[in-house]
N, C-alpha and C. Protein backbone atom coordinates (compact mmCIF):
# COMPACT_ATOMS: atom_id res chain seq x y z
N UNK A 1 58.87 17.45 10.98
CA UNK A 1 57.80 16.58 10.53
C UNK A 1 58.35 15.31 9.86
N UNK A 2 59.37 15.48 9.07
CA UNK A 2 59.90 14.34 8.31
C UNK A 2 61.00 13.58 9.05
N UNK A 3 61.43 14.08 10.19
CA UNK A 3 62.47 13.45 10.99
C UNK A 3 63.76 13.25 10.19
N UNK A 4 64.20 14.30 9.49
CA UNK A 4 65.47 14.28 8.78
C UNK A 4 66.33 15.42 9.32
N UNK A 5 67.66 15.30 9.19
CA UNK A 5 68.56 16.32 9.75
C UNK A 5 68.37 17.68 9.12
N UNK A 6 68.25 17.72 7.80
CA UNK A 6 68.04 18.99 7.12
C UNK A 6 67.33 18.75 5.81
N UNK A 7 66.67 19.79 5.34
CA UNK A 7 66.00 19.71 4.05
C UNK A 7 67.03 19.82 2.94
N UNK A 8 66.82 19.17 1.81
CA UNK A 8 67.71 19.36 0.67
C UNK A 8 67.71 20.82 0.24
N UNK A 9 68.82 21.27 -0.31
CA UNK A 9 68.96 22.66 -0.74
C UNK A 9 67.94 23.05 -1.81
N UNK A 10 67.43 22.08 -2.54
CA UNK A 10 66.49 22.40 -3.62
C UNK A 10 65.07 22.70 -3.14
N UNK A 11 64.78 22.48 -1.87
CA UNK A 11 63.42 22.74 -1.36
C UNK A 11 63.17 24.25 -1.37
N UNK A 12 62.02 24.64 -1.91
CA UNK A 12 61.67 26.06 -1.97
C UNK A 12 60.16 26.22 -1.88
N UNK A 13 59.76 27.46 -1.71
CA UNK A 13 58.33 27.81 -1.62
C UNK A 13 57.59 27.01 -0.54
N UNK A 14 58.20 26.91 0.62
CA UNK A 14 57.58 26.18 1.73
C UNK A 14 56.46 27.02 2.34
N UNK A 15 55.31 26.41 2.47
CA UNK A 15 54.16 27.05 3.11
C UNK A 15 53.59 26.06 4.10
N UNK A 16 53.52 26.47 5.35
CA UNK A 16 53.04 25.58 6.40
C UNK A 16 51.91 26.22 7.18
N UNK A 17 51.08 25.39 7.74
CA UNK A 17 50.05 25.87 8.65
C UNK A 17 49.81 24.79 9.69
N UNK A 18 49.30 25.21 10.81
CA UNK A 18 49.00 24.27 11.88
C UNK A 18 47.76 24.74 12.60
N UNK A 19 47.09 23.80 13.23
CA UNK A 19 45.90 24.09 13.99
C UNK A 19 46.20 23.85 15.46
N UNK A 20 45.84 24.81 16.30
CA UNK A 20 46.07 24.66 17.72
C UNK A 20 44.99 23.78 18.33
N UNK A 21 45.42 22.66 18.84
CA UNK A 21 44.55 21.76 19.59
C UNK A 21 45.37 21.36 20.82
N UNK A 22 44.81 21.48 21.98
CA UNK A 22 45.59 21.31 23.21
C UNK A 22 46.23 19.94 23.36
N UNK A 23 45.65 18.90 22.80
CA UNK A 23 46.20 17.56 23.01
C UNK A 23 46.78 16.93 21.75
N UNK A 24 46.62 17.54 20.61
CA UNK A 24 47.03 16.94 19.34
C UNK A 24 48.00 17.84 18.58
N UNK A 25 48.73 17.24 17.66
CA UNK A 25 49.57 17.98 16.72
C UNK A 25 48.93 17.84 15.34
N UNK A 26 48.60 18.97 14.72
CA UNK A 26 48.04 19.01 13.38
C UNK A 26 48.86 20.01 12.58
N UNK A 27 49.60 19.55 11.58
CA UNK A 27 50.44 20.46 10.80
C UNK A 27 50.48 19.99 9.35
N UNK A 28 50.50 20.93 8.43
CA UNK A 28 50.56 20.64 7.01
C UNK A 28 51.54 21.59 6.36
N UNK A 29 52.39 21.05 5.50
CA UNK A 29 53.34 21.88 4.73
C UNK A 29 53.30 21.46 3.27
N UNK A 30 53.35 22.45 2.40
CA UNK A 30 53.48 22.22 0.98
C UNK A 30 54.79 22.86 0.52
N UNK A 31 55.43 22.28 -0.49
CA UNK A 31 56.70 22.81 -0.98
C UNK A 31 57.02 22.23 -2.35
N UNK A 32 58.05 22.82 -2.96
CA UNK A 32 58.61 22.31 -4.21
C UNK A 32 60.00 21.77 -3.92
N UNK A 33 60.41 20.76 -4.68
CA UNK A 33 61.72 20.14 -4.49
C UNK A 33 62.17 19.55 -5.82
N UNK A 34 63.46 19.48 -6.03
CA UNK A 34 63.97 18.79 -7.21
C UNK A 34 63.64 17.30 -7.07
N UNK A 35 63.14 16.67 -8.13
CA UNK A 35 62.71 15.27 -8.04
C UNK A 35 63.78 14.33 -7.49
N UNK A 36 65.05 14.56 -7.83
CA UNK A 36 66.11 13.68 -7.33
C UNK A 36 66.28 13.78 -5.82
N UNK A 37 65.82 14.86 -5.21
CA UNK A 37 65.95 15.05 -3.76
C UNK A 37 64.76 14.50 -2.97
N UNK A 38 63.69 14.16 -3.64
CA UNK A 38 62.49 13.71 -2.93
C UNK A 38 62.76 12.46 -2.10
N UNK A 39 63.48 11.51 -2.64
CA UNK A 39 63.70 10.25 -1.92
C UNK A 39 64.47 10.46 -0.62
N UNK A 40 65.37 11.45 -0.59
CA UNK A 40 66.14 11.70 0.63
C UNK A 40 65.27 12.28 1.75
N UNK A 41 64.09 12.75 1.40
CA UNK A 41 63.18 13.31 2.40
C UNK A 41 62.31 12.24 3.05
N UNK A 42 62.41 11.02 2.56
CA UNK A 42 61.54 9.94 3.04
C UNK A 42 62.26 8.91 3.88
N UNK A 43 63.42 9.27 4.44
CA UNK A 43 64.22 8.30 5.20
C UNK A 43 63.95 8.32 6.70
N UNK A 44 63.26 9.33 7.21
CA UNK A 44 63.06 9.47 8.65
C UNK A 44 61.96 8.62 9.23
N UNK A 45 61.08 8.14 8.40
CA UNK A 45 59.95 7.31 8.83
C UNK A 45 59.95 6.03 7.99
N UNK A 46 59.24 5.03 8.45
CA UNK A 46 59.01 3.82 7.67
C UNK A 46 57.71 4.04 6.90
N UNK A 47 57.80 4.14 5.58
CA UNK A 47 56.64 4.46 4.75
C UNK A 47 56.19 3.25 3.94
N UNK A 48 54.89 3.23 3.68
CA UNK A 48 54.34 2.39 2.64
C UNK A 48 53.83 3.36 1.57
N UNK A 49 53.73 2.92 0.35
CA UNK A 49 53.33 3.82 -0.72
C UNK A 49 52.25 3.22 -1.59
N UNK A 50 51.53 4.12 -2.23
CA UNK A 50 50.46 3.68 -3.14
C UNK A 50 50.22 4.76 -4.18
N UNK A 51 49.79 4.34 -5.32
CA UNK A 51 49.41 5.26 -6.38
C UNK A 51 48.13 5.97 -5.94
N UNK A 52 48.09 7.28 -6.16
CA UNK A 52 46.89 8.05 -5.81
C UNK A 52 45.76 7.74 -6.79
N UNK A 53 44.55 7.98 -6.35
CA UNK A 53 43.39 7.78 -7.22
C UNK A 53 43.44 8.68 -8.44
N UNK A 54 42.75 8.31 -9.45
CA UNK A 54 42.80 8.99 -10.76
C UNK A 54 42.51 10.49 -10.69
N UNK A 55 41.52 10.90 -9.96
CA UNK A 55 41.14 12.31 -9.88
C UNK A 55 41.48 12.92 -8.53
N UNK A 56 42.49 12.40 -7.87
CA UNK A 56 42.85 12.85 -6.53
C UNK A 56 43.70 14.11 -6.60
N UNK A 57 43.43 15.03 -5.67
CA UNK A 57 44.18 16.28 -5.57
C UNK A 57 44.94 16.29 -4.24
N UNK A 58 45.98 17.07 -4.17
CA UNK A 58 46.78 17.14 -2.95
C UNK A 58 45.93 17.55 -1.74
N UNK A 59 45.01 18.46 -1.93
CA UNK A 59 44.21 18.96 -0.81
C UNK A 59 43.28 17.90 -0.23
N UNK A 60 43.10 16.80 -0.92
CA UNK A 60 42.29 15.69 -0.38
C UNK A 60 42.96 15.02 0.83
N UNK A 61 44.24 15.31 1.06
CA UNK A 61 45.00 14.64 2.11
C UNK A 61 45.34 15.54 3.29
N UNK A 62 44.77 16.71 3.37
CA UNK A 62 45.13 17.62 4.46
C UNK A 62 44.14 17.54 5.61
N UNK A 63 44.66 17.70 6.83
CA UNK A 63 43.84 17.81 8.03
C UNK A 63 43.42 19.25 8.26
N UNK A 64 44.10 20.15 7.62
CA UNK A 64 44.07 21.56 7.95
C UNK A 64 43.40 22.35 6.83
N UNK A 65 43.30 23.63 7.05
CA UNK A 65 42.83 24.55 6.02
C UNK A 65 43.87 24.56 4.91
N UNK A 66 43.53 24.01 3.76
CA UNK A 66 44.50 23.86 2.68
C UNK A 66 44.57 25.06 1.75
N UNK A 67 43.94 26.17 2.09
CA UNK A 67 43.95 27.33 1.20
C UNK A 67 45.31 28.00 1.14
N UNK A 68 46.22 27.67 2.08
CA UNK A 68 47.56 28.24 2.06
C UNK A 68 48.49 27.56 1.07
N UNK A 69 48.09 26.46 0.49
CA UNK A 69 48.96 25.65 -0.35
C UNK A 69 48.50 25.66 -1.79
N UNK A 70 49.46 25.58 -2.69
CA UNK A 70 49.14 25.49 -4.11
C UNK A 70 48.73 24.05 -4.40
N UNK A 71 47.50 23.81 -4.79
CA UNK A 71 47.06 22.44 -5.03
C UNK A 71 47.69 21.85 -6.29
N UNK A 72 47.79 20.55 -6.32
CA UNK A 72 48.31 19.86 -7.50
C UNK A 72 47.63 18.51 -7.62
N UNK A 73 47.70 17.92 -8.80
CA UNK A 73 47.15 16.58 -9.01
C UNK A 73 48.06 15.59 -8.32
N UNK A 74 47.49 14.83 -7.41
CA UNK A 74 48.27 13.84 -6.65
C UNK A 74 48.56 12.63 -7.52
N UNK A 75 49.79 12.15 -7.46
CA UNK A 75 50.16 10.95 -8.21
C UNK A 75 50.53 9.80 -7.28
N UNK A 76 51.25 10.11 -6.20
CA UNK A 76 51.71 9.05 -5.31
C UNK A 76 51.55 9.50 -3.86
N UNK A 77 51.20 8.55 -2.99
CA UNK A 77 50.97 8.84 -1.58
C UNK A 77 51.83 7.91 -0.73
N UNK A 78 52.64 8.50 0.14
CA UNK A 78 53.45 7.75 1.10
C UNK A 78 52.80 7.92 2.47
N UNK A 79 52.64 6.81 3.21
CA UNK A 79 52.04 6.85 4.54
C UNK A 79 53.01 6.21 5.54
N UNK A 80 53.28 6.93 6.61
CA UNK A 80 54.08 6.34 7.69
C UNK A 80 53.23 5.29 8.38
N UNK A 81 53.81 4.15 8.64
CA UNK A 81 53.08 3.05 9.25
C UNK A 81 52.52 3.45 10.61
N UNK A 82 51.32 3.01 10.89
CA UNK A 82 50.59 3.39 12.10
C UNK A 82 51.31 3.10 13.40
N UNK A 83 52.06 2.01 13.46
CA UNK A 83 52.69 1.63 14.72
C UNK A 83 53.76 2.64 15.16
N UNK A 84 54.13 3.58 14.33
CA UNK A 84 55.11 4.61 14.69
C UNK A 84 54.49 5.74 15.51
N UNK A 85 53.18 5.70 15.72
CA UNK A 85 52.47 6.76 16.43
C UNK A 85 51.86 6.28 17.74
N UNK A 86 52.38 5.21 18.27
CA UNK A 86 51.88 4.69 19.54
C UNK A 86 52.21 5.67 20.65
N UNK A 87 51.46 5.71 21.72
CA UNK A 87 50.31 4.88 22.01
C UNK A 87 48.99 5.46 21.50
N UNK A 88 48.92 6.78 21.27
CA UNK A 88 47.63 7.39 20.97
C UNK A 88 47.23 7.31 19.51
N UNK A 89 48.18 7.27 18.60
CA UNK A 89 47.86 7.17 17.18
C UNK A 89 48.16 8.44 16.42
N UNK A 90 47.99 8.39 15.13
CA UNK A 90 48.23 9.52 14.26
C UNK A 90 48.58 9.07 12.86
N UNK A 91 49.07 10.00 12.06
CA UNK A 91 49.53 9.66 10.72
C UNK A 91 50.51 10.71 10.20
N UNK A 92 51.30 10.31 9.23
CA UNK A 92 52.12 11.22 8.44
C UNK A 92 51.92 10.79 7.00
N UNK A 93 51.46 11.72 6.19
CA UNK A 93 51.20 11.44 4.78
C UNK A 93 52.02 12.40 3.95
N UNK A 94 52.71 11.88 2.94
CA UNK A 94 53.43 12.70 1.97
C UNK A 94 52.81 12.42 0.61
N UNK A 95 52.33 13.47 -0.03
CA UNK A 95 51.69 13.36 -1.34
C UNK A 95 52.58 14.06 -2.35
N UNK A 96 52.82 13.42 -3.49
CA UNK A 96 53.63 14.05 -4.54
C UNK A 96 52.88 14.05 -5.86
N UNK A 97 53.32 14.95 -6.74
CA UNK A 97 52.77 14.94 -8.09
C UNK A 97 53.55 13.95 -8.95
N UNK A 98 53.17 13.79 -10.19
CA UNK A 98 53.79 12.80 -11.07
C UNK A 98 55.28 13.03 -11.25
N UNK A 99 55.70 14.30 -11.32
CA UNK A 99 57.11 14.61 -11.51
C UNK A 99 57.92 14.53 -10.23
N UNK A 100 57.27 14.34 -9.08
CA UNK A 100 57.91 14.35 -7.76
C UNK A 100 58.55 15.71 -7.46
N UNK A 101 57.97 16.76 -8.03
CA UNK A 101 58.48 18.12 -7.85
C UNK A 101 57.66 18.89 -6.80
N UNK A 102 56.39 18.60 -6.68
CA UNK A 102 55.52 19.24 -5.69
C UNK A 102 55.16 18.21 -4.64
N UNK A 103 55.14 18.65 -3.39
CA UNK A 103 54.82 17.73 -2.29
C UNK A 103 53.99 18.43 -1.24
N UNK A 104 53.20 17.63 -0.56
CA UNK A 104 52.42 18.09 0.58
C UNK A 104 52.64 17.08 1.69
N UNK A 105 52.95 17.57 2.89
CA UNK A 105 53.16 16.71 4.05
C UNK A 105 52.11 17.04 5.09
N UNK A 106 51.39 16.04 5.55
CA UNK A 106 50.35 16.25 6.55
C UNK A 106 50.65 15.36 7.75
N UNK A 107 50.77 16.00 8.92
CA UNK A 107 51.10 15.29 10.15
C UNK A 107 49.97 15.45 11.16
N UNK A 108 49.59 14.33 11.73
CA UNK A 108 48.60 14.34 12.82
C UNK A 108 49.09 13.37 13.89
N UNK A 109 49.28 13.87 15.08
CA UNK A 109 49.63 13.01 16.21
C UNK A 109 48.63 13.29 17.32
N UNK A 110 47.94 12.26 17.75
CA UNK A 110 46.92 12.39 18.78
C UNK A 110 47.55 12.44 20.15
């Protein structure tokens, strides 16, 4: 999902789910990571970032059934630029908490 060679050793408690759709890819993963390792997970895509809304939760950013993931208060949202999903479109969103310790990754490719 993140287009990196390997996950940092500090990544733990990975929980993923996906929805079967014959023409699309829909996948969501939640995990914990050491804050210093978070930036190394964001090198595979070209991201733009923004501060999350004041009362935003991680589950607000999932395409999938988010009951498999431990929800957290969202602090920052990274979005892969749209032109990386040509020709049909899609998105990759990475949501982190304030400490950059909890993350949720949501991938949709049409």
